[in-house]
Every structure is written in structure tokens, then in C-alpha cells.
């Protein structure tokens, strides 16, 4: 059986931590920022983690066991 290839689209947008959590950037931080409040923009700055079923699917696409 051949090696499983890494999904490069996922690899550029997400990363898997040593503990197995999937970290990604929050959406809505590209344009029309003047309409969003300072508090909302500040909270969009920090990356966040994914959990549950979606994290399991992503780790499989990333080639992590």
C-alpha cells in the first residue's frame, strides 16, 4: 500500500499540535474591517482550535496518526 499524501490545502491553513489539536486562524479578518468593532477584530486575531469529528478528519488528511 502506498504512503498517504498530505493534503497541501489543509497543510497551508491548519497545523496539528503535539497533543493532536488542530489550530487554525479565524475567518472574517480580510476586508470590511472598518464595519467591525474593535473588540470583534481583537478576538479575530487569536488562532483557535478545532475539536471533535472535524479534527479527526483533518488529522487524517494531514497524514497524522
PDB file of N, CA and C in Angstrom:
ATOM      1  N   UNK A   1       0.842  -1.181   0.000  1.00  0.00           N
ATOM      2  CA  UNK A   1       0.000   0.000   0.000  1.00  0.00           C
ATOM      3  C   UNK A   1       0.890   1.249   0.000  1.00  0.00           C
ATOM      4  N   UNK A   2       0.596   2.231  -0.878  1.00  0.00           N
ATOM      5  CA  UNK A   2       1.443   3.425  -0.949  1.00  0.00           C
ATOM      6  C   UNK A   2       1.234   4.340   0.250  1.00  0.00           C
ATOM      7  N   UNK A   3       2.193   5.239   0.438  1.00  0.00           N
ATOM      8  CA  UNK A   3       2.093   6.207   1.532  1.00  0.00           C
ATOM      9  C   UNK A   3       0.927   7.157   1.261  1.00  0.00           C
ATOM     10  N   UNK A   4       0.335   7.645   2.339  1.00  0.00           N
ATOM     11  CA  UNK A   4      -0.749   8.602   2.199  1.00  0.00           C
ATOM     12  C   UNK A   4      -0.161  10.000   2.026  1.00  0.00           C
ATOM     13  N   UNK A   5      -0.634  10.716   1.016  1.00  0.00           N
ATOM     14  CA  UNK A   5      -0.111  12.051   0.754  1.00  0.00           C
ATOM     15  C   UNK A   5      -0.796  13.082   1.645  1.00  0.00           C
ATOM     16  N   UNK A   6      -0.030  14.118   1.997  1.00  0.00           N
ATOM     17  CA  UNK A   6      -0.561  15.228   2.785  1.00  0.00           C
ATOM     18  C   UNK A   6      -1.419  16.095   1.884  1.00  0.00           C
ATOM     19  N   UNK A   7      -2.579  16.506   2.370  1.00  0.00           N
ATOM     20  CA  UNK A   7      -3.445  17.419   1.637  1.00  0.00           C
ATOM     21  C   UNK A   7      -2.852  18.818   1.787  1.00  0.00           C
ATOM     22  N   UNK A   8      -2.254  19.342   0.729  1.00  0.00           N
ATOM     23  CA  UNK A   8      -1.490  20.592   0.811  1.00  0.00           C
ATOM     24  C   UNK A   8      -2.355  21.813   1.109  1.00  0.00           C
ATOM     25  N   UNK A   9      -3.612  21.794   0.692  1.00  0.00           N
ATOM     26  CA  UNK A   9      -4.526  22.893   1.018  1.00  0.00           C
ATOM     27  C   UNK A   9      -4.757  22.983   2.514  1.00  0.00           C
ATOM     28  N   UNK A  10      -4.884  21.830   3.146  1.00  0.00           N
ATOM     29  CA  UNK A  10      -5.059  21.785   4.600  1.00  0.00           C
ATOM     30  C   UNK A  10      -3.760  22.158   5.314  1.00  0.00           C
ATOM     31  N   UNK A  11      -2.645  21.701   4.770  1.00  0.00           N
ATOM     32  CA  UNK A  11      -1.351  21.942   5.418  1.00  0.00           C
ATOM     33  C   UNK A  11      -1.007  23.425   5.476  1.00  0.00           C
ATOM     34  N   UNK A  12      -1.461  24.212   4.484  1.00  0.00           N
ATOM     35  CA  UNK A  12      -1.161  25.643   4.487  1.00  0.00           C
ATOM     36  C   UNK A  12      -2.052  26.402   5.464  1.00  0.00           C
ATOM     37  N   UNK A  13      -3.267  25.925   5.683  1.00  0.00           N
ATOM     38  CA  UNK A  13      -4.234  26.647   6.511  1.00  0.00           C
ATOM     39  C   UNK A  13      -4.279  26.202   7.966  1.00  0.00           C
ATOM     40  N   UNK A  14      -3.876  24.968   8.231  1.00  0.00           N
ATOM     41  CA  UNK A  14      -4.010  24.400   9.563  1.00  0.00           C
ATOM     42  C   UNK A  14      -2.708  23.779  10.014  1.00  0.00           C
ATOM     43  N   UNK A  15      -2.587  23.577  11.330  1.00  0.00           N
ATOM     44  CA  UNK A  15      -1.456  22.811  11.835  1.00  0.00           C
ATOM     45  C   UNK A  15      -1.924  21.979  13.012  1.00  0.00           C
ATOM     46  N   UNK A  16      -1.276  20.854  13.196  1.00  0.00           N
ATOM     47  CA  UNK A  16      -1.621  19.943  14.279  1.00  0.00           C
ATOM     48  C   UNK A  16      -0.564  20.081  15.362  1.00  0.00           C
ATOM     49  N   UNK A  17      -1.007  20.301  16.605  1.00  0.00           N
ATOM     50  CA  UNK A  17      -0.086  20.451  17.723  1.00  0.00           C
ATOM     51  C   UNK A  17       0.430  19.086  18.165  1.00  0.00           C
ATOM     52  N   UNK A  18       1.377  19.083  19.078  1.00  0.00           N
ATOM     53  CA  UNK A  18       1.928  17.812  19.576  1.00  0.00           C
ATOM     54  C   UNK A  18       0.897  16.984  20.311  1.00  0.00           C
ATOM     55  N   UNK A  19      -0.076  17.676  20.925  1.00  0.00           N
ATOM     56  CA  UNK A  19      -1.116  16.942  21.658  1.00  0.00           C
ATOM     57  C   UNK A  19      -2.234  16.459  20.743  1.00  0.00           C
ATOM     58  N   UNK A  20      -2.184  16.859  19.457  1.00  0.00           N
ATOM     59  CA  UNK A  20      -3.174  16.380  18.497  1.00  0.00           C
ATOM     60  C   UNK A  20      -4.292  17.355  18.199  1.00  0.00           C
ATOM     61  N   UNK A  21      -4.225  18.562  18.769  1.00  0.00           N
ATOM     62  CA  UNK A  21      -5.247  19.563  18.492  1.00  0.00           C
ATOM     63  C   UNK A  21      -4.978  20.204  17.138  1.00  0.00           C
ATOM     64  N   UNK A  22      -6.030  20.617  16.464  1.00  0.00           N
ATOM     65  CA  UNK A  22      -5.907  21.285  15.162  1.00  0.00           C
ATOM     66  C   UNK A  22      -6.086  22.780  15.388  1.00  0.00           C
ATOM     67  N   UNK A  23      -5.095  23.565  14.980  1.00  0.00           N
ATOM     68  CA  UNK A  23      -5.115  25.014  15.174  1.00  0.00           C
ATOM     69  C   UNK A  23      -5.324  25.691  13.826  1.00  0.00           C
ATOM     70  N   UNK A  24      -6.220  26.682  13.790  1.00  0.00           N
ATOM     71  CA  UNK A  24      -6.479  27.418  12.554  1.00  0.00           C
ATOM     72  C   UNK A  24      -6.763  28.877  12.878  1.00  0.00           C
ATOM     73  N   UNK A  25      -6.665  29.717  11.848  1.00  0.00           N
ATOM     74  CA  UNK A  25      -6.976  31.135  12.012  1.00  0.00           C
ATOM     75  C   UNK A  25      -8.477  31.341  11.851  1.00  0.00           C
ATOM     76  N   UNK A  26      -8.995  32.342  12.532  1.00  0.00           N
ATOM     77  CA  UNK A  26     -10.426  32.635  12.437  1.00  0.00           C
ATOM     78  C   UNK A  26     -10.731  33.362  11.125  1.00  0.00           C
ATOM     79  N   UNK A  27     -11.900  33.104  10.539  1.00  0.00           N
ATOM     80  CA  UNK A  27     -12.279  33.812   9.309  1.00  0.00           C
ATOM     81  C   UNK A  27     -12.757  35.239   9.599  1.00  0.00           C
ATOM     82  N   UNK A  28     -13.106  35.975   8.554  1.00  0.00           N
ATOM     83  CA  UNK A  28     -13.660  37.343   8.616  1.00  0.00           C
ATOM     84  C   UNK A  28     -12.636  38.394   9.016  1.00  0.00           C
ATOM     85  N   UNK A  29     -11.381  38.218   8.672  1.00  0.00           N
ATOM     86  CA  UNK A  29     -10.343  39.184   9.030  1.00  0.00           C
ATOM     87  C   UNK A  29      -9.647  39.732   7.781  1.00  0.00           C
ATOM     88  N   UNK A  30     -10.273  39.627   6.617  1.00  0.00           N
ATOM     89  CA  UNK A  30      -9.636  40.039   5.372  1.00  0.00           C
ATOM     90  C   UNK A  30     -10.011  41.458   4.928  1.00  0.00           C
ATOM     91  N   UNK A  31     -11.297  41.741   4.869  1.00  0.00           N
ATOM     92  CA  UNK A  31     -11.720  43.052   4.365  1.00  0.00           C
ATOM     93  C   UNK A  31     -12.975  43.490   5.096  1.00  0.00           C
ATOM     94  N   UNK A  32     -13.410  44.730   4.832  1.00  0.00           N
ATOM     95  CA  UNK A  32     -14.555  45.355   5.515  1.00  0.00           C
ATOM     96  C   UNK A  32     -14.352  45.400   7.028  1.00  0.00           C
ATOM     97  N   UNK A  33     -13.121  45.669   7.443  1.00  0.00           N
ATOM     98  CA  UNK A  33     -12.805  45.666   8.874  1.00  0.00           C
ATOM     99  C   UNK A  33     -13.289  46.923   9.590  1.00  0.00           C
ATOM    100  N   UNK A  34     -13.501  47.998   8.845  1.00  0.00           N
ATOM    101  CA  UNK A  34     -13.952  49.234   9.486  1.00  0.00           C
ATOM    102  C   UNK A  34     -15.372  49.094  10.027  1.00  0.00           C
ATOM    103  N   UNK A  35     -16.145  48.208   9.458  1.00  0.00           N
ATOM    104  CA  UNK A  35     -17.520  47.983   9.917  1.00  0.00           C
ATOM    105  C   UNK A  35     -17.563  47.123  11.178  1.00  0.00           C
ATOM    106  N   UNK A  36     -16.475  46.417  11.460  1.00  0.00           N
ATOM    107  CA  UNK A  36     -16.440  45.535  12.631  1.00  0.00           C
ATOM    108  C   UNK A  36     -15.874  46.286  13.826  1.00  0.00           C
ATOM    109  N   UNK A  37     -16.387  45.973  15.003  1.00  0.00           N
ATOM    110  CA  UNK A  37     -15.951  46.672  16.206  1.00  0.00           C
ATOM    111  C   UNK A  37     -14.523  46.265  16.580  1.00  0.00           C
ATOM    112  N   UNK A  38     -13.887  47.092  17.380  1.00  0.00           N
ATOM    113  CA  UNK A  38     -12.508  46.829  17.804  1.00  0.00           C
ATOM    114  C   UNK A  38     -12.425  45.537  18.613  1.00  0.00           C
ATOM    115  N   UNK A  39     -13.439  45.292  19.432  1.00  0.00           N
ATOM    116  CA  UNK A  39     -13.477  44.074  20.239  1.00  0.00           C
ATOM    117  C   UNK A  39     -13.559  42.836  19.346  1.00  0.00           C
ATOM    118  N   UNK A  40     -14.386  42.933  18.308  1.00  0.00           N
ATOM    119  CA  UNK A  40     -14.547  41.798  17.378  1.00  0.00           C
ATOM    120  C   UNK A  40     -13.253  41.536  16.610  1.00  0.00           C
ATOM    121  N   UNK A  41     -12.595  42.617  16.148  1.00  0.00           N
ATOM    122  CA  UNK A  41     -11.326  42.457  15.418  1.00  0.00           C
ATOM    123  C   UNK A  41     -10.240  41.898  16.318  1.00  0.00           C
ATOM    124  N   UNK A  42     -10.220  42.330  17.565  1.00  0.00           N
ATOM    125  CA  UNK A  42      -9.239  41.840  18.528  1.00  0.00           C
ATOM    126  C   UNK A  42      -9.416  40.349  18.783  1.00  0.00           C
ATOM    127  N   UNK A  43     -10.659  39.902  18.899  1.00  0.00           N
ATOM    128  CA  UNK A  43     -10.929  38.486  19.123  1.00  0.00           C
ATOM    129  C   UNK A  43     -10.649  37.628  17.888  1.00  0.00           C
ATOM    130  N   UNK A  44     -10.673  38.225  16.719  1.00  0.00           N
ATOM    131  CA  UNK A  44     -10.362  37.501  15.487  1.00  0.00           C
ATOM    132  C   UNK A  44      -8.859  37.299  15.308  1.00  0.00           C
ATOM    133  N   UNK A  45      -8.059  38.041  16.075  1.00  0.00           N
ATOM    134  CA  UNK A  45      -6.607  37.959  15.957  1.00  0.00           C
ATOM    135  C   UNK A  45      -6.056  36.602  16.376  1.00  0.00           C
ATOM    136  N   UNK A  46      -6.557  36.079  17.478  1.00  0.00           N
ATOM    137  CA  UNK A  46      -6.020  34.845  18.051  1.00  0.00           C
ATOM    138  C   UNK A  46      -6.417  33.621  17.237  1.00  0.00           C
ATOM    139  N   UNK A  47      -5.495  32.677  17.050  1.00  0.00           N
ATOM    140  CA  UNK A  47      -5.903  31.426  16.418  1.00  0.00           C
ATOM    141  C   UNK A  47      -6.742  30.597  17.387  1.00  0.00           C
ATOM    142  N   UNK A  48      -7.522  29.681  16.846  1.00  0.00           N
ATOM    143  CA  UNK A  48      -8.389  28.861  17.678  1.00  0.00           C
ATOM    144  C   UNK A  48      -8.232  27.387  17.311  1.00  0.00           C
ATOM    145  N   UNK A  49      -8.752  26.510  18.160  1.00  0.00           N
ATOM    146  CA  UNK A  49      -8.592  25.077  17.927  1.00  0.00           C
ATOM    147  C   UNK A  49      -9.891  24.454  17.453  1.00  0.00           C
ATOM    148  N   UNK A  50      -9.754  23.400  16.703  1.00  0.00           N
ATOM    149  CA  UNK A  50     -10.883  22.598  16.254  1.00  0.00           C
ATOM    150  C   UNK A  50     -10.927  21.331  17.084  1.00  0.00           C
ATOM    151  N   UNK A  51     -12.101  20.814  17.294  1.00  0.00           N
ATOM    152  CA  UNK A  51     -12.210  19.584  18.044  1.00  0.00           C
ATOM    153  C   UNK A  51     -13.255  18.668  17.447  1.00  0.00           C
ATOM    154  N   UNK A  52     -13.365  17.505  18.010  1.00  0.00           N
ATOM    155  CA  UNK A  52     -14.400  16.569  17.611  1.00  0.00           C
ATOM    156  C   UNK A  52     -14.152  15.893  16.286  1.00  0.00           C
ATOM    157  N   UNK A  53     -15.212  15.637  15.569  1.00  0.00           N
ATOM    158  CA  UNK A  53     -15.165  14.884  14.312  1.00  0.00           C
ATOM    159  C   UNK A  53     -14.342  15.605  13.242  1.00  0.00           C
ATOM    160  N   UNK A  54     -14.496  16.923  13.165  1.00  0.00           N
ATOM    161  CA  UNK A  54     -13.778  17.695  12.145  1.00  0.00           C
ATOM    162  C   UNK A  54     -12.263  17.577  12.342  1.00  0.00           C
ATOM    163  N   UNK A  55     -11.807  17.611  13.574  1.00  0.00           N
ATOM    164  CA  UNK A  55     -10.379  17.486  13.868  1.00  0.00           C
ATOM    165  C   UNK A  55      -9.860  16.122  13.440  1.00  0.00           C
ATOM    166  N   UNK A  56     -10.673  15.100  13.624  1.00  0.00           N
ATOM    167  CA  UNK A  56     -10.271  13.749  13.246  1.00  0.00           C
ATOM    168  C   UNK A  56     -10.107  13.631  11.733  1.00  0.00           C
ATOM    169  N   UNK A  57     -11.031  14.229  10.992  1.00  0.00           N
ATOM    170  CA  UNK A  57     -10.973  14.204   9.522  1.00  0.00           C
ATOM    171  C   UNK A  57      -9.728  14.957   9.038  1.00  0.00           C
ATOM    172  N   UNK A  58      -9.469  16.103   9.640  1.00  0.00           N
ATOM    173  CA  UNK A  58      -8.335  16.937   9.221  1.00  0.00           C
ATOM    174  C   UNK A  58      -7.007  16.259   9.524  1.00  0.00           C
ATOM    175  N   UNK A  59      -6.898  15.638  10.690  1.00  0.00           N
ATOM    176  CA  UNK A  59      -5.639  14.955  11.020  1.00  0.00           C
ATOM    177  C   UNK A  59      -5.371  13.805  10.041  1.00  0.00           C
ATOM    178  N   UNK A  60      -6.427  13.167   9.565  1.00  0.00           N
ATOM    179  CA  UNK A  60      -6.263  12.098   8.575  1.00  0.00           C
ATOM    180  C   UNK A  60      -5.772  12.690   7.240  1.00  0.00           C
ATOM    181  N   UNK A  61      -6.319  13.847   6.838  1.00  0.00           N
ATOM    182  CA  UNK A  61      -5.891  14.495   5.603  1.00  0.00           C
ATOM    183  C   UNK A  61      -4.452  14.999   5.699  1.00  0.00           C
ATOM    184  N   UNK A  62      -4.050  15.377   6.915  1.00  0.00           N
ATOM    185  CA  UNK A  62      -2.703  15.902   7.112  1.00  0.00           C
ATOM    186  C   UNK A  62      -1.675  14.771   7.202  1.00  0.00           C
ATOM    187  N   UNK A  63      -2.123  13.543   7.304  1.00  0.00           N
ATOM    188  CA  UNK A  63      -1.211  12.423   7.380  1.00  0.00           C
ATOM    189  C   UNK A  63      -0.680  12.170   8.766  1.00  0.00           C
ATOM    190  N   UNK A  64      -1.401  12.643   9.792  1.00  0.00           N
ATOM    191  CA  UNK A  64      -1.000  12.444  11.184  1.00  0.00           C
ATOM    192  C   UNK A  64      -1.837  11.316  11.751  1.00  0.00           C
ATOM    193  N   UNK A  65      -1.204  10.451  12.526  1.00  0.00           N
ATOM    194  CA  UNK A  65      -1.969   9.339  13.105  1.00  0.00           C
ATOM    195  C   UNK A  65      -2.654   9.727  14.378  1.00  0.00           C
TER     196      UNK A  65
END
